[in-house]
PDB file of N, CA and C in Angstrom:
ATOM      1  N   MET A   1      -3.702  15.987   4.544  1.00  0.00           N
ATOM      2  CA  MET A   1      -2.407  16.033   4.878  1.00  0.00           C
ATOM      3  C   MET A   1      -1.399  15.609   3.517  1.00  0.00           C
ATOM      4  N   ASP A   2      -0.563  16.811   3.939  1.00  0.00           N
ATOM      5  CA  ASP A   2       0.341  16.395   2.107  1.00  0.00           C
ATOM      6  C   ASP A   2       0.696  15.139   1.462  1.00  0.00           C
ATOM      7  N   GLU A   3       1.458  14.494   0.459  1.00  0.00           N
ATOM      8  CA  GLU A   3       2.041  13.239   0.728  1.00  0.00           C
ATOM      9  C   GLU A   3       3.566  12.666   0.913  1.00  0.00           C
ATOM     10  N   GLN A   4       3.876  13.175   1.534  1.00  0.00           N
ATOM     11  CA  GLN A   4       4.997  13.361   1.847  1.00  0.00           C
ATOM     12  C   GLN A   4       5.048  13.104   3.865  1.00  0.00           C
ATOM     13  N   LYS A   5       3.959  14.203   4.298  1.00  0.00           N
ATOM     14  CA  LYS A   5       3.626  13.542   5.418  1.00  0.00           C
ATOM     15  C   LYS A   5       2.203  12.359   5.485  1.00  0.00           C
ATOM     16  N   LEU A   6       1.911  11.965   4.716  1.00  0.00           N
ATOM     17  CA  LEU A   6       1.525  10.730   4.447  1.00  0.00           C
ATOM     18  C   LEU A   6       1.944   9.712   4.728  1.00  0.00           C
ATOM     19  N   LEU A   7       3.585   9.841   3.617  1.00  0.00           N
ATOM     20  CA  LEU A   7       4.008   8.877   3.482  1.00  0.00           C
ATOM     21  C   LEU A   7       4.850   8.885   5.157  1.00  0.00           C
ATOM     22  N   GLU A   8       4.718   9.830   5.835  1.00  0.00           N
ATOM     23  CA  GLU A   8       6.484   8.654   6.975  1.00  0.00           C
ATOM     24  C   GLU A   8       5.668   8.133   7.945  1.00  0.00           C
ATOM     25  N   ARG A   9       4.002   7.970   7.570  1.00  0.00           N
ATOM     26  CA  ARG A   9       3.666   6.594   8.117  1.00  0.00           C
ATOM     27  C   ARG A   9       3.879   5.527   7.761  1.00  0.00           C
ATOM     28  N   ILE A  10       4.678   5.237   6.764  1.00  0.00           N
ATOM     29  CA  ILE A  10       4.831   3.830   6.124  1.00  0.00           C
ATOM     30  C   ILE A  10       6.466   4.028   6.464  1.00  0.00           C
ATOM     31  N   THR A  11       6.792   2.733   7.012  1.00  0.00           N
ATOM     32  CA  THR A  11       8.288   2.377   8.194  1.00  0.00           C
ATOM     33  C   THR A  11       8.745   1.012   7.193  1.00  0.00           C
ATOM     34  N   ILE A  12      10.276   1.122   7.560  1.00  0.00           N
ATOM     35  CA  ILE A  12      10.444  -0.531   7.532  1.00  0.00           C
ATOM     36  C   ILE A  12      11.176  -1.115   8.436  1.00  0.00           C
ATOM     37  N   ASP A  13      11.048  -2.034   9.056  1.00  0.00           N
ATOM     38  CA  ASP A  13      11.825  -2.729   9.783  1.00  0.00           C
ATOM     39  C   ASP A  13      12.722  -3.833   9.288  1.00  0.00           C
ATOM     40  N   PRO A  14      13.474  -4.045   9.568  1.00  0.00           N
ATOM     41  CA  PRO A  14      14.211  -4.941   8.992  1.00  0.00           C
ATOM     42  C   PRO A  14      13.796  -6.711   9.889  1.00  0.00           C
ATOM     43  N   LYS A  15      13.166  -5.751  10.694  1.00  0.00           N
ATOM     44  CA  LYS A  15      12.820  -7.447  11.852  1.00  0.00           C
ATOM     45  C   LYS A  15      11.283  -7.700  11.845  1.00  0.00           C
ATOM     46  N   ILE A  16      10.505  -6.934  10.826  1.00  0.00           N
ATOM     47  CA  ILE A  16       9.639  -7.120  10.959  1.00  0.00           C
ATOM     48  C   ILE A  16       9.168  -7.345   9.467  1.00  0.00           C
ATOM     49  N   TYR A  17       8.680  -8.433   9.082  1.00  0.00           N
ATOM     50  CA  TYR A  17       8.292  -9.321   7.383  1.00  0.00           C
ATOM     51  C   TYR A  17       9.351  -8.672   6.685  1.00  0.00           C
ATOM     52  N   GLY A  18      11.071  -8.881   7.336  1.00  0.00           N
ATOM     53  CA  GLY A  18      11.430  -9.323   6.277  1.00  0.00           C
ATOM     54  C   GLY A  18      11.573  -7.929   6.011  1.00  0.00           C
ATOM     55  N   GLY A  19      12.032  -7.023   6.649  1.00  0.00           N
ATOM     56  CA  GLY A  19      11.325  -5.054   5.813  1.00  0.00           C
ATOM     57  C   GLY A  19      10.697  -4.609   5.011  1.00  0.00           C
ATOM     58  N   LYS A  20       9.760  -5.691   4.369  1.00  0.00           N
ATOM     59  CA  LYS A  20       8.616  -4.936   3.253  1.00  0.00           C
ATOM     60  C   LYS A  20       8.236  -3.243   4.797  1.00  0.00           C
ATOM     61  N   PRO A  21       7.333  -2.635   3.914  1.00  0.00           N
ATOM     62  CA  PRO A  21       6.818  -1.318   4.424  1.00  0.00           C
ATOM     63  C   PRO A  21       5.450  -2.185   5.116  1.00  0.00           C
ATOM     64  N   ILE A  22       5.616  -0.766   6.295  1.00  0.00           N
ATOM     65  CA  ILE A  22       4.716  -0.927   7.404  1.00  0.00           C
ATOM     66  C   ILE A  22       4.248  -0.331   7.587  1.00  0.00           C
ATOM     67  N   ILE A  23       3.268   0.122   8.643  1.00  0.00           N
ATOM     68  CA  ILE A  23       1.971   0.524   8.824  1.00  0.00           C
ATOM     69  C   ILE A  23       2.858   1.140  10.489  1.00  0.00           C
ATOM     70  N   ARG A  24       3.451   2.391  10.039  1.00  0.00           N
ATOM     71  CA  ARG A  24       3.578   2.967  11.449  1.00  0.00           C
ATOM     72  C   ARG A  24       4.002   1.841  12.487  1.00  0.00           C
ATOM     73  N   GLY A  25       5.043   1.097  12.418  1.00  0.00           N
ATOM     74  CA  GLY A  25       6.157   0.813  12.852  1.00  0.00           C
ATOM     75  C   GLY A  25       5.241  -0.796  12.972  1.00  0.00           C
ATOM     76  N   ARG A  26       4.130  -0.624  12.877  1.00  0.00           N
ATOM     77  CA  ARG A  26       3.465  -2.046  13.308  1.00  0.00           C
ATOM     78  C   ARG A  26       3.253  -3.518  12.564  1.00  0.00           C
ATOM     79  N   ARG A  27       2.723  -4.174  13.119  1.00  0.00           N
ATOM     80  CA  ARG A  27       2.886  -5.498  12.413  1.00  0.00           C
ATOM     81  C   ARG A  27       1.644  -5.643  11.631  1.00  0.00           C
ATOM     82  N   LEU A  28       1.463  -4.584  10.821  1.00  0.00           N
ATOM     83  CA  LEU A  28       0.455  -5.105   9.558  1.00  0.00           C
ATOM     84  C   LEU A  28       1.391  -4.121   8.516  1.00  0.00           C
ATOM     85  N   ALA A  29       1.260  -5.045   7.334  1.00  0.00           N
ATOM     86  CA  ALA A  29       2.315  -4.743   6.304  1.00  0.00           C
ATOM     87  C   ALA A  29       1.192  -4.220   5.015  1.00  0.00           C
ATOM     88  N   VAL A  30       1.355  -2.919   4.569  1.00  0.00           N
ATOM     89  CA  VAL A  30       1.578  -2.427   3.381  1.00  0.00           C
ATOM     90  C   VAL A  30       0.088  -3.445   2.253  1.00  0.00           C
ATOM     91  N   GLU A  31       1.396  -4.363   1.899  1.00  0.00           N
ATOM     92  CA  GLU A  31       0.811  -4.980   0.727  1.00  0.00           C
ATOM     93  C   GLU A  31      -1.232  -5.633   1.273  1.00  0.00           C
ATOM     94  N   HIS A  32      -0.837  -5.699   2.738  1.00  0.00           N
ATOM     95  CA  HIS A  32      -2.002  -6.289   3.201  1.00  0.00           C
ATOM     96  C   HIS A  32      -3.082  -5.104   2.972  1.00  0.00           C
ATOM     97  N   VAL A  33      -2.779  -3.945   3.634  1.00  0.00           N
ATOM     98  CA  VAL A  33      -4.360  -3.730   3.310  1.00  0.00           C
ATOM     99  C   VAL A  33      -4.590  -2.986   1.700  1.00  0.00           C
ATOM    100  N   LEU A  34      -3.746  -3.216   1.250  1.00  0.00           N
ATOM    101  CA  LEU A  34      -3.550  -3.088  -1.044  1.00  0.00           C
ATOM    102  C   LEU A  34      -4.663  -4.115  -0.779  1.00  0.00           C
ATOM    103  N   GLY A  35      -4.216  -5.391  -0.499  1.00  0.00           N
ATOM    104  CA  GLY A  35      -5.001  -6.858  -0.499  1.00  0.00           C
ATOM    105  C   GLY A  35      -6.186  -6.795  -0.212  1.00  0.00           C
ATOM    106  N   MET A  36      -6.551  -5.890   0.958  1.00  0.00           N
ATOM    107  CA  MET A  36      -7.422  -6.548   1.247  1.00  0.00           C
ATOM    108  C   MET A  36      -8.924  -5.124   0.572  1.00  0.00           C
ATOM    109  N   LEU A  37      -8.517  -4.047   0.098  1.00  0.00           N
ATOM    110  CA  LEU A  37      -9.011  -2.574  -0.797  1.00  0.00           C
ATOM    111  C   LEU A  37      -9.161  -3.717  -2.171  1.00  0.00           C
ATOM    112  N   ALA A  38      -8.508  -4.235  -2.807  1.00  0.00           N
ATOM    113  CA  ALA A  38      -8.135  -5.104  -3.806  1.00  0.00           C
ATOM    114  C   ALA A  38      -9.726  -5.957  -3.722  1.00  0.00           C
ATOM    115  N   ALA A  39      -9.460  -7.369  -2.306  1.00  0.00           N
ATOM    116  CA  ALA A  39     -10.661  -7.799  -2.415  1.00  0.00           C
ATOM    117  C   ALA A  39     -11.887  -7.355  -1.819  1.00  0.00           C
ATOM    118  N   GLY A  40     -12.136  -6.179  -2.134  1.00  0.00           N
ATOM    119  CA  GLY A  40     -13.228  -5.652  -1.851  1.00  0.00           C
ATOM    120  C   GLY A  40     -13.640  -5.003  -0.554  1.00  0.00           C
ATOM    121  N   ASP A  41     -12.956  -4.970   0.831  1.00  0.00           N
ATOM    122  CA  ASP A  41     -12.763  -4.857   1.782  1.00  0.00           C
ATOM    123  C   ASP A  41     -12.838  -2.840   1.446  1.00  0.00           C
ATOM    124  N   HIS A  42     -13.847  -2.809   2.195  1.00  0.00           N
ATOM    125  CA  HIS A  42     -14.323  -0.788   2.524  1.00  0.00           C
ATOM    126  C   HIS A  42     -13.022  -0.627   3.942  1.00  0.00           C
ATOM    127  N   THR A  43     -13.014   0.611   3.719  1.00  0.00           N
ATOM    128  CA  THR A  43     -12.258   1.059   4.799  1.00  0.00           C
ATOM    129  C   THR A  43     -12.426   0.899   5.881  1.00  0.00           C
ATOM    130  N   THR A  44     -13.400   1.176   6.162  1.00  0.00           N
ATOM    131  CA  THR A  44     -14.555   0.990   7.615  1.00  0.00           C
ATOM    132  C   THR A  44     -13.813  -1.171   8.276  1.00  0.00           C
ATOM    133  N   ASP A  45     -13.601  -1.325   7.314  1.00  0.00           N
ATOM    134  CA  ASP A  45     -13.604  -2.854   7.618  1.00  0.00           C
ATOM    135  C   ASP A  45     -12.286  -3.115   7.933  1.00  0.00           C
ATOM    136  N   LEU A  46     -11.363  -2.069   7.095  1.00  0.00           N
ATOM    137  CA  LEU A  46      -9.895  -2.072   7.851  1.00  0.00           C
ATOM    138  C   LEU A  46      -9.637  -1.627   9.417  1.00  0.00           C
ATOM    139  N   LEU A  47     -10.372   0.004   9.309  1.00  0.00           N
ATOM    140  CA  LEU A  47     -11.008   0.953  10.415  1.00  0.00           C
ATOM    141  C   LEU A  47     -11.644  -0.462  11.781  1.00  0.00           C
ATOM    142  N   ASP A  48     -12.197  -1.854  11.428  1.00  0.00           N
ATOM    143  CA  ASP A  48     -12.606  -2.396  12.263  1.00  0.00           C
ATOM    144  C   ASP A  48     -12.496  -3.455  12.427  1.00  0.00           C
ATOM    145  N   ALA A  49     -10.880  -3.307  11.968  1.00  0.00           N
ATOM    146  CA  ALA A  49     -10.400  -4.942  11.962  1.00  0.00           C
ATOM    147  C   ALA A  49      -9.270  -4.522  13.046  1.00  0.00           C
ATOM    148  N   TYR A  50      -8.548  -3.064  12.699  1.00  0.00           N
ATOM    149  CA  TYR A  50      -7.766  -2.606  13.371  1.00  0.00           C
ATOM    150  C   TYR A  50      -7.741  -1.279  13.907  1.00  0.00           C
ATOM    151  N   PRO A  51      -7.763  -2.181  15.418  1.00  0.00           N
ATOM    152  CA  PRO A  51      -9.181  -0.319  15.905  1.00  0.00           C
ATOM    153  C   PRO A  51      -7.599   0.747  15.840  1.00  0.00           C
ATOM    154  N   TRP A  52      -6.583   0.600  15.287  1.00  0.00           N
ATOM    155  CA  TRP A  52      -6.101   1.494  16.094  1.00  0.00           C
ATOM    156  C   TRP A  52      -4.997   1.611  14.580  1.00  0.00           C
ATOM    157  N   LEU A  53      -5.864   1.393  14.132  1.00  0.00           N
ATOM    158  CA  LEU A  53      -5.515   1.773  11.826  1.00  0.00           C
ATOM    159  C   LEU A  53      -6.123   3.485  12.011  1.00  0.00           C
ATOM    160  N   GLU A  54      -5.744   3.956  11.524  1.00  0.00           N
ATOM    161  CA  GLU A  54      -6.441   6.160  11.140  1.00  0.00           C
ATOM    162  C   GLU A  54      -6.607   5.588  10.050  1.00  0.00           C
ATOM    163  N   PRO A  55      -7.700   6.713   9.432  1.00  0.00           N
ATOM    164  CA  PRO A  55      -7.914   6.905   7.688  1.00  0.00           C
ATOM    165  C   PRO A  55      -6.508   7.216   6.795  1.00  0.00           C
ATOM    166  N   ALA A  56      -5.722   8.552   7.510  1.00  0.00           N
ATOM    167  CA  ALA A  56      -4.706   8.128   6.944  1.00  0.00           C
ATOM    168  C   ALA A  56      -3.650   7.247   6.854  1.00  0.00           C
ATOM    169  N   ASP A  57      -3.265   5.766   7.603  1.00  0.00           N
ATOM    170  CA  ASP A  57      -1.957   5.392   6.529  1.00  0.00           C
ATOM    171  C   ASP A  57      -3.107   4.665   5.881  1.00  0.00           C
ATOM    172  N   ILE A  58      -4.096   4.463   5.799  1.00  0.00           N
ATOM    173  CA  ILE A  58      -4.696   3.256   4.623  1.00  0.00           C
ATOM    174  C   ILE A  58      -4.899   4.319   3.822  1.00  0.00           C
ATOM    175  N   GLN A  59      -4.613   5.885   3.324  1.00  0.00           N
ATOM    176  CA  GLN A  59      -4.281   6.194   2.031  1.00  0.00           C
ATOM    177  C   GLN A  59      -2.926   6.959   1.758  1.00  0.00           C
ATOM    178  N   ALA A  60      -2.489   5.974   3.256  1.00  0.00           N
ATOM    179  CA  ALA A  60      -1.050   6.596   3.352  1.00  0.00           C
ATOM    180  C   ALA A  60      -0.212   5.045   2.226  1.00  0.00           C
ATOM    181  N   CYS A  61      -0.672   4.458   2.596  1.00  0.00           N
ATOM    182  CA  CYS A  61      -1.115   2.703   1.367  1.00  0.00           C
ATOM    183  C   CYS A  61      -0.730   2.906   0.733  1.00  0.00           C
ATOM    184  N   LEU A  62      -2.205   3.921  -0.313  1.00  0.00           N
ATOM    185  CA  LEU A  62      -2.221   3.926  -1.772  1.00  0.00           C
ATOM    186  C   LEU A  62      -1.682   4.696  -2.263  1.00  0.00           C
ATOM    187  N   VAL A  63      -0.962   6.182  -1.729  1.00  0.00           N
ATOM    188  CA  VAL A  63      -0.411   6.838  -2.085  1.00  0.00           C
ATOM    189  C   VAL A  63       0.901   6.247  -1.876  1.00  0.00           C
ATOM    190  N   TYR A  64       1.767   5.005  -1.293  1.00  0.00           N
ATOM    191  CA  TYR A  64       2.893   5.309  -1.582  1.00  0.00           C
ATOM    192  C   TYR A  64       2.579   3.601  -2.887  1.00  0.00           C
ATOM    193  N   ALA A  65       1.416   3.044  -3.019  1.00  0.00           N
ATOM    194  CA  ALA A  65       1.290   2.294  -4.283  1.00  0.00           C
ATOM    195  C   ALA A  65       1.487   3.344  -5.175  1.00  0.00           C
ATOM    196  N   ARG A  66       1.186   3.951  -5.720  1.00  0.00           N
ATOM    197  CA  ARG A  66       1.453   4.562  -6.021  1.00  0.00           C
ATOM    198  C   ARG A  66       2.119   5.220  -6.857  1.00  0.00           C
ATOM    199  N   ARG A  67       2.978   5.679  -6.242  1.00  0.00           N
ATOM    200  CA  ARG A  67       4.210   6.557  -5.855  1.00  0.00           C
ATOM    201  C   ARG A  67       5.221   5.263  -6.252  1.00  0.00           C
ATOM    202  N   LEU A  68       5.521   4.187  -6.020  1.00  0.00           N
ATOM    203  CA  LEU A  68       5.773   3.272  -6.794  1.00  0.00           C
ATOM    204  C   LEU A  68       5.505   2.664  -8.181  1.00  0.00           C
ATOM    205  N   VAL A  69       4.251   2.639  -8.444  1.00  0.00           N
ATOM    206  CA  VAL A  69       3.404   1.952 -10.088  1.00  0.00           C
ATOM    207  C   VAL A  69       3.903   3.202 -10.871  1.00  0.00           C
ATOM    208  N   ALA A  70       4.235   4.104 -10.015  1.00  0.00           N
ATOM    209  CA  ALA A  70       4.342   5.665 -11.025  1.00  0.00           C
ATOM    210  C   ALA A  70       6.257   5.328 -11.882  1.00  0.00           C
ATOM    211  N   HIS A  71       6.912   4.987 -10.565  1.00  0.00           N
ATOM    212  CA  HIS A  71       8.146   4.188 -11.522  1.00  0.00           C
ATOM    213  C   HIS A  71       8.870   3.216 -12.345  1.00  0.00           C
ATOM    214  N   GLU A  72       7.360   2.703 -12.239  1.00  0.00           N
ATOM    215  CA  GLU A  72       7.402   1.133 -12.947  1.00  0.00           C
ATOM    216  C   GLU A  72       6.723   0.770 -14.626  1.00  0.00           C
ATOM    217  N   ARG A  73       7.940   0.329 -15.078  1.00  0.00           N
ATOM    218  CA  ARG A  73       7.298   0.343 -17.199  1.00  0.00           C
ATOM    219  C   ARG A  73       7.176  -0.893 -17.466  1.00  0.00           C
ATOM    220  N   VAL A  74       5.756  -1.346 -18.308  1.00  0.00           N
ATOM    221  CA  VAL A  74       5.546  -2.375 -18.037  1.00  0.00           C
ATOM    222  C   VAL A  74       5.602  -2.713 -19.351  1.00  0.00           C
ATOM    223  N   GLU A  75       6.542  -3.721 -19.826  1.00  0.00           N
ATOM    224  CA  GLU A  75       6.378  -3.906 -21.216  1.00  0.00           C
ATOM    225  C   GLU A  75       5.310  -5.162 -21.916  1.00  0.00           C
ATOM    226  N   PRO A  76       5.018  -4.950 -22.830  1.00  0.00           N
ATOM    227  CA  PRO A  76       4.327  -6.508 -23.452  1.00  0.00           C
ATOM    228  C   PRO A  76       5.253  -7.025 -23.681  1.00  0.00           C
ATOM    229  N   LEU A  77       4.543  -8.668 -22.883  1.00  0.00           N
ATOM    230  CA  LEU A  77       4.821  -9.675 -23.877  1.00  0.00           C
ATOM    231  C   LEU A  77       5.033 -10.092 -25.315  1.00  0.00           C
ATOM    232  N   PHE A  78       4.193 -10.035 -25.915  1.00  0.00           N
ATOM    233  CA  PHE A  78       4.025  -9.567 -27.093  1.00  0.00           C
ATOM    234  C   PHE A  78       3.305  -8.701 -27.971  1.00  0.00           C
ATOM    235  N   MET A  79       3.549  -8.655 -29.139  1.00  0.00           N
ATOM    236  CA  MET A  79       2.486  -7.392 -30.504  1.00  0.00           C
ATOM    237  C   MET A  79       1.512  -7.858 -30.734  1.00  0.00           C
ATOM    238  N   GLU A  80       0.608  -7.881 -30.647  1.00  0.00           N
ATOM    239  CA  GLU A  80      -0.275  -7.527 -31.792  1.00  0.00           C
ATOM    240  C   GLU A  80      -0.468  -7.328 -33.217  1.00  0.00           C
ATOM    241  N   SER A  81      -0.173  -8.414 -34.294  1.00  0.00           N
ATOM    242  CA  SER A  81       0.053  -7.409 -35.977  1.00  0.00           C
ATOM    243  C   SER A  81      -1.444  -7.212 -36.443  1.00  0.00           C
ATOM    244  N   GLY A  82      -1.259  -6.145 -37.350  1.00  0.00           N
ATOM    245  CA  GLY A  82      -2.363  -5.656 -37.359  1.00  0.00           C
ATOM    246  C   GLY A  82      -3.336  -6.539 -38.833  1.00  0.00           C
ATOM    247  N   ALA A  83      -3.029  -7.694 -38.315  1.00  0.00           N
ATOM    248  CA  ALA A  83      -3.825  -8.641 -39.369  1.00  0.00           C
ATOM    249  C   ALA A  83      -5.014  -8.652 -40.307  1.00  0.00           C
TER     250      ALA A  83
END
């Protein structure tokens, strides 16, 4: 499935979680899925916890996050000198 089709799975509803990105209009935020993956949960753990969730939903969350990060620029707080 191409990225644009995957991103169609990510929706925003101002009535759900204050308009944070969610999966297919359900009450599961993209940040929650990413947090579970970052904590070491496997995709099978997520699929077991949310029976309606599909593997493509998880992939859509990763694509969404990558696209957001691709547009960020992080400035260092300090620069080390060559002492």
